[in-house]
Amino acid sequence: MASWHLVDPEGRRTSAGAAVAPLLRLLPGGAPAARIADRFPGAVEGAYRWVVRHRGTLGRVITAGAARRARRRIAARGG
């Protein structure tokens, strides 16, 4: 629970803040944000750690309806 991992299409695994830029590169339109994340890895890692420390509080902001919609979208994509 302290981290998340991304395995890219080539099988490379990255974790925590270091996985943000590779994930963004996989998303449509994510290349500009990935370049920013690559340029400021310390800031990205710091932001990631802040979110991890506050995920309980941040999770309470998500409405039940938004969570249901997200689950449906993930399921529709085979996740």
Protein backbone atom coordinates (compact mmCIF):
# COMPACT_ATOMS: atom_id res chain seq x y z
CA MET A 1 0.00 0.00 0.00
CA ALA A 2 3.00 2.33 0.19
CA SER A 3 3.39 2.49 -3.58
CA TRP A 4 1.95 1.62 -6.95
CA HIS A 5 3.69 0.07 -9.91
CA LEU A 6 3.44 0.52 -13.64
CA VAL A 7 4.49 -2.20 -16.06
CA ASP A 8 4.78 -0.65 -19.50
CA PRO A 9 4.13 -2.48 -22.78
CA GLU A 10 7.82 -3.44 -22.98
CA GLY A 11 7.64 -5.04 -19.52
CA ARG A 12 9.60 -2.36 -17.65
CA ARG A 13 8.40 -1.73 -14.12
CA THR A 14 8.53 1.65 -12.43
CA SER A 15 7.08 2.61 -9.07
CA ALA A 16 5.84 5.59 -7.06
CA GLY A 17 6.55 9.05 -8.48
CA ALA A 18 8.98 7.63 -11.04
CA ALA A 19 6.03 5.88 -12.73
CA VAL A 20 4.09 9.10 -13.35
CA ALA A 21 5.90 10.22 -16.53
CA PRO A 22 5.82 6.74 -18.14
CA LEU A 23 2.10 6.49 -17.36
CA LEU A 24 1.42 9.91 -18.82
CA ARG A 25 3.25 8.92 -22.02
CA LEU A 26 0.81 6.00 -22.39
CA LEU A 27 -2.26 8.25 -22.12
CA PRO A 28 -3.75 10.09 -25.08
CA GLY A 29 -2.56 13.67 -24.86
CA GLY A 30 -0.27 12.90 -21.94
CA ALA A 31 3.06 13.65 -23.64
CA PRO A 32 3.26 17.34 -22.61
CA ALA A 33 2.60 16.50 -18.95
CA ALA A 34 5.11 13.62 -19.19
CA ARG A 35 7.79 16.06 -20.33
CA ILE A 36 7.08 18.24 -17.30
CA ALA A 37 7.21 15.22 -14.99
CA ASP A 38 10.52 14.16 -16.55
CA ARG A 39 11.94 17.65 -16.02
CA PHE A 40 10.97 17.82 -12.33
CA PRO A 41 11.26 14.29 -10.91
CA GLY A 42 11.86 15.51 -7.35
CA ALA A 43 8.68 17.57 -7.38
CA VAL A 44 6.69 14.68 -8.85
CA GLU A 45 8.01 12.29 -6.19
CA GLY A 46 7.21 14.83 -3.47
CA ALA A 47 3.68 15.29 -4.79
CA TYR A 48 3.24 11.52 -4.99
CA ARG A 49 4.37 11.09 -1.38
CA TRP A 50 2.00 13.88 -0.27
CA VAL A 51 -0.95 12.13 -1.97
CA VAL A 52 0.05 8.81 -0.37
CA ARG A 53 0.10 10.40 3.09
CA HIS A 54 -3.30 12.02 2.53
CA ARG A 55 -5.11 9.39 0.46
CA GLY A 56 -7.65 8.68 3.18
CA THR A 57 -8.73 12.31 3.28
CA LEU A 58 -8.59 12.66 -0.49
CA GLY A 59 -10.64 9.48 -0.91
CA ARG A 60 -13.48 10.96 1.12
CA VAL A 61 -13.83 13.72 -1.48
CA ILE A 62 -14.74 11.18 -4.16
CA THR A 63 -18.51 10.77 -4.34
CA ALA A 64 -20.13 7.36 -4.51
CA GLY A 65 -21.46 8.23 -7.97
CA ALA A 66 -18.01 9.10 -9.26
CA ALA A 67 -16.63 5.84 -7.87
CA ARG A 68 -19.41 3.85 -9.60
CA ARG A 69 -18.74 5.59 -12.92
CA ALA A 70 -15.02 4.89 -12.62
CA ARG A 71 -15.62 1.22 -11.86
CA ARG A 72 -17.94 0.92 -14.88
CA ARG A 73 -15.37 2.55 -17.17
CA ILE A 74 -12.60 0.30 -15.91
CA ALA A 75 -14.77 -2.79 -16.35
CA ALA A 76 -15.78 -1.71 -19.87
CA ARG A 77 -12.10 -1.56 -20.83
CA GLY A 78 -11.43 -5.04 -19.49
CA GLY A 79 -9.78 -3.92 -16.25
